[in-house]
Amino acid sequence: MKTAIITILLASFIFPISLKAEQEERLEIVKTDSTDMHQTRTDKGILIELVKNVHLRQGKAEMFCDRVSWWKDRGEVVIENNVRIYDDEKILFADYVFYYVEKRIYHARGNVVLKDTVRQINADQIRYHKLEDLQIADGNVVMDDSQNLVKIFSGRAEVFNEREYALITDDPVFIKYDSTGNEELRITGIKMELFDGGDRAVVTDSVHIYHKDASASCEIAEFYRKQNEVILRQNPFVKQQHDWLRGNLIHLFFDDDNELTKVNVKQNAMVQSKVDTLGNDPRMNKLSGEIITMFFENRQLRQVDVEQKATSYYHVVEDDEYKGLNRIIGDKIIVQIKDRKIVHIQIVSRPQLSEGIFYPSGMEPVEQGNRINGKSTQREKFSQDIQ
C-alpha cells in the first residue's frame, strides 16, 4: 500500500515537471558561418543578429536559414532567406518566418511550403501553431494529397490536425486525378470541409461537379474517398451524356478506375433522355418514381429500375419513322437498354395498379413541364412484359 502511494506521489511530481521542461525548451544557436554576431539593445530589448548558414534548435525543431534577428527578451525571432525548418513530422520552407519562441508559432511568408505525413500545403503565407497542431494558410492555397491523387485549391484553409478536420473557403476547388495526372473529378463551391483526415469532403453552396461522364449541380455535395462515392443534396441535378436526372437526393457510385457504375435518385426522382441524340428532335423519354437506379457498363447506360409510383413515357421510333408514345405505370419498371435503345421493359406490379397505353403518332397527350395531360381516344393496351 505504501509503495502504491509513493508511486502515485512520484508520478504526480514528475509529470508536471516534464510538461514544464517541454514547454520551456530553450532556443539555442547551434551553428553559424559568420564570426561576426551583432548584439544590440533596442526599445524591444536585446537584439541578436546572425548571418550565413545559421542553424537554430529548440527541442526537436531544427531551423536553418541565412539570416536571423532574435529579440531574446521578447522571445521573437525573424528567420529569413532560404528558410528550412524540421519540426517533428513537419517540414516548413519559406522566404521569411516570424517565430514566437514560447508559443511555438511559425508565421511564414513567401514561397511557403508546409509538409507532413498526410499532405503538402503551398500558400502565400502559413501560420503554423505547433502546440495545437493548427495550420492556417492564406493566398493561392494548394493542398496536395499525393498519396490519394487529390489536390484542393482555395484562397484560405484552416487545418486542425488533432481533430482531423479542415475548413477551406474562398472559392475552393477539389480535384481528383488519375495515375497519369489527368483530371477525373472536379468539385467547386463556396465552402469545403474535410473530415476524418480527408476521407469525407463536404462542399456547400453553389456546388458544381465535373466528371468525364457527367456534370452536376446542387447545394450540398459529399465525397467519400475510400468508397469513391458522391452524394448530392438540395436541388441536385445531373447531366450524364444524353440523360438528365433530378430528385431530392442523387447518389453517384464510381469504380476503382473512377468510371461511373451506378446512380441512385431518391424522392421525386425523374430521368429524361433525348429521343434523338444526333438530330434536333425535342422529344424526351421520361421515367419518374420515388426511387430510380441506373446501371452503367463501359460508360454506357445498360439498365434503369424505377420503383414506387413508377411511370414511363417512351417515344417509339421504328426504321427512322415515328410511331407514337408508350405510357407505362406500375409499382416497379425495369428498362434494359443497348446502344441507347430500349430492348426490354418489365413491369412488376399488382394488376390493379399497372397500366400500359400506346398513343399513336398525332394522338399523344399534351406535355406541360414534367406532366403529361390529356387522353387519346385511340389506345392500345399492351402486356406487362414488353419484348
Protein backbone atom coordinates (compact mmCIF):
# COMPACT_ATOMS: atom_id res chain seq x y z
CA MET A 1 0.00 0.00 0.00
CA LYS A 2 2.82 2.41 0.90
CA THR A 3 4.60 1.53 -2.35
CA ALA A 4 1.49 2.41 -4.37
CA ILE A 5 1.11 5.75 -2.57
CA ILE A 6 4.78 6.61 -3.16
CA THR A 7 4.43 5.70 -6.85
CA ILE A 8 1.38 7.97 -7.25
CA LEU A 9 3.14 10.84 -5.47
CA LEU A 10 6.22 10.44 -7.65
CA ALA A 11 4.10 10.36 -10.82
CA SER A 12 2.19 13.48 -9.81
CA PHE A 13 5.50 15.22 -9.08
CA ILE A 14 7.44 14.14 -12.19
CA PHE A 15 4.65 14.62 -14.77
CA PRO A 16 4.19 18.41 -14.39
CA ILE A 17 7.98 18.86 -14.38
CA SER A 18 8.27 17.01 -17.71
CA LEU A 19 5.50 19.17 -19.17
CA LYS A 20 7.19 22.32 -17.94
CA ALA A 21 10.51 21.15 -19.31
CA GLU A 22 8.94 20.58 -22.74
CA GLN A 23 7.27 23.99 -22.72
CA GLU A 24 10.45 25.74 -21.57
CA GLU A 25 12.82 24.16 -24.09
CA ARG A 26 15.16 26.99 -24.91
CA LEU A 27 16.07 28.25 -28.33
CA GLU A 28 19.79 27.81 -28.94
CA ILE A 29 22.31 28.73 -31.60
CA VAL A 30 23.87 25.54 -32.95
CA LYS A 31 26.00 26.94 -35.76
CA THR A 32 26.69 29.94 -37.97
CA ASP A 33 29.41 30.52 -40.57
CA SER A 34 29.68 34.15 -39.57
CA THR A 35 32.22 35.13 -36.91
CA ASP A 36 30.51 38.47 -36.55
CA MET A 37 27.49 38.23 -34.23
CA HIS A 38 25.79 41.55 -33.50
CA GLN A 39 24.10 42.09 -30.15
CA THR A 40 22.45 45.46 -29.58
CA ARG A 41 19.99 46.92 -27.13
CA THR A 42 16.75 48.23 -28.68
CA ASP A 43 13.42 49.52 -27.40
CA LYS A 44 12.22 45.91 -27.73
CA GLY A 45 15.10 44.58 -25.66
CA ILE A 46 18.30 42.83 -26.67
CA LEU A 47 18.57 42.05 -30.41
CA ILE A 48 20.90 39.29 -31.61
CA GLU A 49 21.68 39.20 -35.35
CA LEU A 50 23.28 36.28 -37.17
CA VAL A 51 24.07 35.71 -40.86
CA LYS A 52 25.37 32.94 -43.16
CA ASN A 53 24.26 29.32 -42.73
CA VAL A 54 22.58 29.81 -39.39
CA HIS A 55 21.38 26.72 -37.51
CA LEU A 56 18.99 27.12 -34.55
CA ARG A 57 17.42 24.45 -32.37
CA GLN A 58 14.53 24.30 -29.92
CA GLY A 59 13.68 20.86 -28.65
CA LYS A 60 13.08 18.68 -31.72
CA ALA A 61 12.84 21.67 -34.05
CA GLU A 62 15.87 22.26 -36.27
CA MET A 63 15.91 25.63 -38.08
CA PHE A 64 18.20 26.64 -40.94
CA CYS A 65 18.47 29.96 -42.78
CA ASP A 66 20.88 32.69 -43.90
CA ARG A 67 19.80 35.47 -41.54
CA VAL A 68 18.37 35.66 -38.00
CA SER A 69 17.12 38.60 -35.93
CA TRP A 70 16.36 37.40 -32.40
CA TRP A 71 14.71 39.62 -29.77
CA LYS A 72 15.73 37.39 -26.92
CA ASP A 73 13.82 39.14 -24.11
CA ARG A 74 10.57 39.07 -26.08
CA GLY A 75 11.01 35.52 -27.37
CA GLU A 76 10.53 36.62 -31.00
CA VAL A 77 12.72 35.60 -33.92
CA VAL A 78 12.80 36.67 -37.56
CA ILE A 79 14.22 33.85 -39.70
CA GLU A 80 14.98 34.90 -43.27
CA ASN A 81 16.42 33.77 -46.59
CA ASN A 82 16.30 30.12 -47.62
CA VAL A 83 14.39 29.08 -44.50
CA ARG A 84 14.18 25.33 -43.77
CA ILE A 85 12.56 24.14 -40.56
CA TYR A 86 12.23 20.50 -39.50
CA ASP A 87 9.93 20.08 -36.50
CA ASP A 88 8.90 16.50 -35.67
CA GLU A 89 6.98 15.31 -38.75
CA LYS A 90 6.55 18.82 -40.16
CA ILE A 91 8.83 20.42 -42.74
CA LEU A 92 8.50 24.16 -43.44
CA PHE A 93 10.14 26.07 -46.29
CA ALA A 94 9.74 29.84 -46.76
CA ASP A 95 11.48 33.11 -47.56
CA TYR A 96 10.58 34.66 -44.20
CA VAL A 97 9.37 33.28 -40.86
CA PHE A 98 8.39 35.21 -37.75
CA TYR A 99 8.71 32.75 -34.86
CA TYR A 100 7.20 33.06 -31.37
CA VAL A 101 9.54 31.02 -29.19
CA GLU A 102 7.31 30.37 -26.17
CA LYS A 103 4.04 29.77 -28.04
CA ARG A 104 5.79 27.75 -30.78
CA ILE A 105 4.02 29.63 -33.57
CA TYR A 106 5.58 29.99 -37.03
CA HIS A 107 4.26 32.76 -39.28
CA ALA A 108 5.76 32.08 -42.71
CA ARG A 109 5.60 34.24 -45.84
CA GLY A 110 6.93 33.97 -49.37
CA ASN A 111 7.02 30.68 -51.35
CA VAL A 112 5.71 28.83 -48.31
CA VAL A 113 5.60 25.03 -48.30
CA LEU A 114 4.45 23.03 -45.26
CA LYS A 115 4.72 19.24 -45.44
CA ASP A 116 3.66 16.46 -43.10
CA THR A 117 2.86 12.76 -43.42
CA VAL A 118 -0.64 13.48 -44.79
CA ARG A 119 -0.30 16.36 -47.25
CA GLN A 120 1.70 19.29 -48.55
CA ILE A 121 0.36 22.85 -48.38
CA ASN A 122 1.64 25.66 -50.61
CA ALA A 123 0.47 29.23 -49.94
CA ASP A 124 1.46 32.88 -49.90
CA GLN A 125 1.58 32.65 -46.11
CA ILE A 126 1.01 29.98 -43.47
CA ARG A 127 0.60 30.33 -39.73
CA TYR A 128 1.54 27.06 -38.00
CA HIS A 129 0.69 26.57 -34.31
CA LYS A 130 2.83 23.64 -33.22
CA LEU A 131 1.28 23.06 -29.77
CA GLU A 132 -2.28 22.91 -31.17
CA ASP A 133 -1.16 21.33 -34.48
CA LEU A 134 -3.15 24.02 -36.30
CA GLN A 135 -2.28 25.29 -39.78
CA ILE A 136 -3.83 28.43 -41.30
CA ALA A 137 -2.94 29.10 -44.94
CA ASP A 138 -3.84 32.24 -46.91
CA GLY A 139 -3.43 33.23 -50.54
CA ASN A 140 -3.10 30.87 -53.52
CA VAL A 141 -3.50 27.83 -51.28
CA VAL A 142 -2.82 24.38 -52.75
CA MET A 143 -3.36 21.31 -50.55
CA ASP A 144 -1.73 18.30 -52.19
CA ASP A 145 -2.60 14.78 -51.01
CA SER A 146 -0.32 12.93 -53.42
CA GLN A 147 -1.00 9.53 -51.88
CA ASN A 148 -4.69 9.77 -52.82
CA LEU A 149 -4.12 11.82 -56.00
CA VAL A 150 -6.17 14.76 -54.69
CA LYS A 151 -5.45 18.50 -54.80
CA ILE A 152 -7.54 21.31 -53.31
CA PHE A 153 -7.11 24.91 -54.46
CA SER A 154 -8.52 27.84 -52.48
CA GLY A 155 -7.88 31.27 -51.02
CA ARG A 156 -7.84 30.10 -47.40
CA ALA A 157 -7.54 26.85 -45.46
CA GLU A 158 -7.63 26.06 -41.75
CA VAL A 159 -6.37 22.58 -40.85
CA PHE A 160 -7.00 21.17 -37.36
CA ASN A 161 -4.90 18.01 -37.40
CA GLU A 162 -5.80 16.79 -33.92
CA ARG A 163 -9.49 16.85 -34.91
CA GLU A 164 -8.75 15.51 -38.41
CA TYR A 165 -10.80 18.43 -39.73
CA ALA A 166 -10.17 21.20 -42.26
CA LEU A 167 -12.21 24.26 -43.26
CA ILE A 168 -11.50 25.56 -46.77
CA THR A 169 -13.01 28.80 -48.08
CA ASP A 170 -12.55 31.48 -50.75
CA ASP A 171 -13.57 29.58 -53.90
CA PRO A 172 -12.33 26.07 -53.05
CA VAL A 173 -11.77 23.62 -55.92
CA PHE A 174 -11.42 19.88 -55.23
CA ILE A 175 -9.70 17.87 -57.99
CA LYS A 176 -9.08 14.12 -58.13
CA TYR A 177 -6.52 12.87 -60.67
CA ASP A 178 -5.81 9.50 -62.22
CA SER A 179 -2.41 7.81 -62.03
CA THR A 180 -1.23 9.58 -65.20
CA GLY A 181 -2.07 13.03 -63.84
CA ASN A 182 -5.25 13.58 -65.84
CA GLU A 183 -8.17 15.22 -64.07
CA GLU A 184 -11.02 12.80 -63.27
CA LEU A 185 -13.29 14.70 -60.88
CA ARG A 186 -13.68 18.39 -60.05
CA ILE A 187 -15.92 19.83 -57.31
CA THR A 188 -16.37 23.56 -56.70
CA GLY A 189 -18.44 25.53 -54.18
CA ILE A 190 -18.37 28.33 -51.63
CA LYS A 191 -17.22 26.30 -48.61
CA MET A 192 -15.49 22.94 -48.25
CA GLU A 193 -14.93 20.84 -45.13
CA LEU A 194 -12.73 17.78 -44.73
CA PHE A 195 -13.49 15.18 -42.06
CA ASP A 196 -11.62 12.08 -40.87
CA GLY A 197 -8.34 13.26 -42.33
CA GLY A 198 -9.90 13.90 -45.74
CA ASP A 199 -11.79 10.61 -46.12
CA ARG A 200 -15.02 12.65 -46.33
CA ALA A 201 -15.34 16.03 -48.03
CA VAL A 202 -18.47 18.20 -47.79
CA VAL A 203 -18.92 21.10 -50.21
CA THR A 204 -21.77 23.56 -49.69
CA ASP A 205 -23.46 26.42 -51.54
CA SER A 206 -23.50 26.74 -55.34
CA VAL A 207 -21.84 23.36 -55.83
CA HIS A 208 -20.78 22.23 -59.30
CA ILE A 209 -19.30 18.84 -60.16
CA TYR A 210 -17.50 17.90 -63.36
CA HIS A 211 -16.65 14.33 -64.34
CA LYS A 212 -15.65 12.82 -67.67
CA ASP A 213 -19.02 11.04 -67.81
CA ALA A 214 -21.29 13.55 -66.07
CA SER A 215 -21.74 17.05 -64.69
CA ALA A 216 -23.90 18.07 -61.73
CA SER A 217 -25.05 20.92 -59.53
CA CYS A 218 -26.60 21.10 -56.05
CA GLU A 219 -26.33 22.96 -52.74
CA ILE A 220 -24.58 20.21 -50.73
CA ALA A 221 -22.19 17.55 -52.06
CA GLU A 222 -20.47 14.84 -50.03
CA PHE A 223 -17.46 12.96 -51.42
CA TYR A 224 -16.40 9.69 -49.77
CA ARG A 225 -12.82 8.97 -50.79
CA LYS A 226 -12.47 5.33 -49.72
CA GLN A 227 -15.85 4.31 -51.13
CA ASN A 228 -15.40 6.56 -54.21
CA GLU A 229 -18.96 7.86 -53.96
CA VAL A 230 -20.61 11.28 -54.23
CA ILE A 231 -23.95 12.22 -52.64
CA LEU A 232 -25.80 15.32 -53.87
CA ARG A 233 -28.46 17.05 -51.75
CA GLN A 234 -30.74 20.08 -52.01
CA ASN A 235 -31.92 20.64 -55.58
CA PRO A 236 -29.49 18.18 -57.18
CA PHE A 237 -29.31 17.97 -60.96
CA VAL A 238 -27.11 15.64 -63.03
CA LYS A 239 -26.46 15.54 -66.75
CA GLN A 240 -24.98 12.23 -67.89
CA GLN A 241 -24.23 12.35 -71.61
CA HIS A 242 -27.78 12.48 -73.07
CA ASP A 243 -29.65 11.94 -69.79
CA TRP A 244 -30.92 14.49 -67.25
CA LEU A 245 -31.56 13.45 -63.64
CA ARG A 246 -33.46 15.20 -60.85
CA GLY A 247 -34.63 14.26 -57.37
CA ASN A 248 -34.29 15.17 -53.70
CA LEU A 249 -31.06 13.14 -53.43
CA ILE A 250 -28.70 11.75 -56.07
CA HIS A 251 -26.04 9.17 -55.18
CA LEU A 252 -23.19 8.56 -57.66
CA PHE A 253 -21.06 5.39 -57.49
CA PHE A 254 -17.64 5.06 -59.17
CA ASP A 255 -15.30 2.08 -59.56
CA ASP A 256 -11.57 2.00 -58.81
CA ASP A 257 -10.87 3.50 -62.25
CA ASN A 258 -13.29 6.33 -61.42
CA GLU A 259 -15.79 5.13 -64.02
CA LEU A 260 -19.45 5.78 -63.24
CA THR A 261 -21.10 2.43 -62.44
CA LYS A 262 -24.40 3.29 -60.74
CA VAL A 263 -26.66 6.23 -59.91
CA ASN A 264 -29.44 6.29 -57.29
CA VAL A 265 -32.06 9.04 -57.47
CA LYS A 266 -34.39 9.20 -54.47
CA GLN A 267 -37.66 11.04 -53.78
CA ASN A 268 -39.41 12.85 -56.64
CA ALA A 269 -36.98 11.10 -58.96
CA MET A 270 -37.05 11.81 -62.69
CA VAL A 271 -34.82 10.86 -65.61
CA GLN A 272 -35.23 12.44 -69.04
CA SER A 273 -33.42 11.24 -72.17
CA LYS A 274 -33.27 12.64 -75.66
CA VAL A 275 -35.10 10.56 -78.26
CA ASP A 276 -32.68 11.65 -80.98
CA THR A 277 -29.14 12.21 -79.67
CA LEU A 278 -27.85 13.34 -83.08
CA GLY A 279 -30.67 15.44 -84.53
CA ASN A 280 -32.86 18.31 -83.36
CA ASP A 281 -35.87 16.26 -82.22
CA PRO A 282 -37.03 18.00 -78.99
CA ARG A 283 -38.96 14.98 -77.69
CA MET A 284 -37.78 13.36 -74.46
CA ASN A 285 -38.28 9.91 -72.98
CA LYS A 286 -39.20 10.20 -69.30
CA LEU A 287 -39.05 7.97 -66.24
CA SER A 288 -40.36 9.02 -62.84
CA GLY A 289 -40.88 7.45 -59.42
CA GLU A 290 -39.70 7.65 -55.84
CA ILE A 291 -36.51 5.65 -56.47
CA ILE A 292 -34.62 5.36 -59.76
CA THR A 293 -31.46 3.27 -60.09
CA MET A 294 -29.32 3.46 -63.22
CA PHE A 295 -26.62 0.89 -64.04
CA PHE A 296 -23.67 1.54 -66.35
CA GLU A 297 -21.17 -0.71 -68.11
CA ASN A 298 -18.21 0.61 -70.10
CA ARG A 299 -19.57 4.15 -69.66
CA GLN A 300 -22.89 3.19 -71.29
CA LEU A 301 -26.33 3.03 -69.67
CA ARG A 302 -27.49 -0.61 -69.51
CA GLN A 303 -30.47 -0.74 -67.17
CA VAL A 304 -32.85 1.56 -65.31
CA ASP A 305 -35.01 0.41 -62.38
CA VAL A 306 -37.91 2.66 -61.35
CA GLU A 307 -39.71 1.94 -58.07
CA GLN A 308 -42.76 3.28 -56.22
CA LYS A 309 -45.25 5.16 -58.41
CA ALA A 310 -43.16 4.15 -61.39
CA THR A 311 -44.14 5.85 -64.65
CA SER A 312 -42.51 5.64 -68.08
CA TYR A 313 -43.13 7.70 -71.22
CA TYR A 314 -41.27 6.26 -74.19
CA HIS A 315 -41.41 7.50 -77.79
CA VAL A 316 -41.41 4.66 -80.33
CA VAL A 317 -39.31 5.07 -83.47
CA GLU A 318 -39.01 2.21 -85.97
CA ASP A 319 -36.89 2.40 -89.12
CA ASP A 320 -36.49 6.15 -88.61
CA GLU A 321 -40.28 6.54 -88.58
CA TYR A 322 -42.03 7.89 -85.50
CA LYS A 323 -44.87 5.57 -84.39
CA GLY A 324 -46.17 7.10 -81.17
CA LEU A 325 -45.83 7.21 -77.38
CA ASN A 326 -45.91 4.38 -74.82
CA ARG A 327 -47.03 5.17 -71.29
CA ILE A 328 -46.43 2.58 -68.55
CA ILE A 329 -47.49 2.81 -64.90
CA GLY A 330 -46.69 0.27 -62.17
CA ASP A 331 -45.08 -0.42 -58.81
CA LYS A 332 -41.73 -1.13 -60.48
CA ILE A 333 -40.48 -0.78 -64.03
CA ILE A 334 -37.25 -2.36 -65.26
CA VAL A 335 -35.87 -0.99 -68.53
CA GLN A 336 -32.97 -2.70 -70.29
CA ILE A 337 -31.02 -0.64 -72.80
CA LYS A 338 -28.45 -1.34 -75.51
CA ASP A 339 -26.83 1.31 -77.69
CA ARG A 340 -29.25 3.81 -76.13
CA LYS A 341 -32.25 1.85 -77.39
CA ILE A 342 -34.78 0.10 -75.16
CA VAL A 343 -34.62 -3.65 -75.77
CA HIS A 344 -36.84 -4.86 -72.93
CA ILE A 345 -39.34 -3.40 -70.46
CA GLN A 346 -40.73 -5.31 -67.50
CA ILE A 347 -43.48 -4.17 -65.15
CA VAL A 348 -43.51 -5.63 -61.64
CA SER A 349 -46.81 -4.59 -60.06
CA ARG A 350 -50.13 -5.57 -58.63
CA PRO A 351 -52.55 -5.91 -61.58
CA GLN A 352 -54.91 -3.17 -60.41
CA LEU A 353 -52.01 -0.71 -60.12
CA SER A 354 -50.38 -1.33 -63.51
CA GLU A 355 -51.31 0.14 -66.87
CA GLY A 356 -49.84 0.30 -70.34
CA ILE A 357 -51.15 2.68 -73.00
CA PHE A 358 -49.96 3.35 -76.55
CA TYR A 359 -50.72 6.73 -78.15
CA PRO A 360 -50.31 6.62 -81.97
CA SER A 361 -48.49 9.45 -83.69
CA GLY A 362 -50.57 12.61 -83.59
CA MET A 363 -52.61 11.43 -80.61
CA GLU A 364 -50.02 11.97 -77.87
CA PRO A 365 -51.08 13.86 -74.71
CA VAL A 366 -50.01 17.49 -74.40
CA GLU A 367 -46.86 17.98 -72.33
CA GLN A 368 -46.79 20.71 -69.70
CA GLY A 369 -43.48 20.90 -67.83
CA ASN A 370 -42.86 17.47 -66.35
CA ARG A 371 -46.52 16.45 -66.54
CA ILE A 372 -48.34 14.90 -69.47
CA ASN A 373 -52.02 15.82 -69.68
CA GLY A 374 -54.83 14.79 -71.98
CA LYS A 375 -56.19 11.45 -73.16
CA SER A 376 -56.30 9.76 -76.53
CA THR A 377 -59.50 8.25 -77.88
CA GLN A 378 -57.44 5.57 -79.62
CA ARG A 379 -55.49 3.50 -77.14
CA GLU A 380 -53.87 0.12 -77.41
CA LYS A 381 -53.30 -1.90 -74.27
CA PHE A 382 -50.12 -3.94 -74.23
CA SER A 383 -48.80 -6.65 -71.96
CA GLN A 384 -46.94 -6.07 -68.73
CA ASP A 385 -43.84 -7.68 -70.22
CA ILE A 386 -42.93 -5.85 -73.43
CA GLN A 387 -40.28 -7.50 -75.56
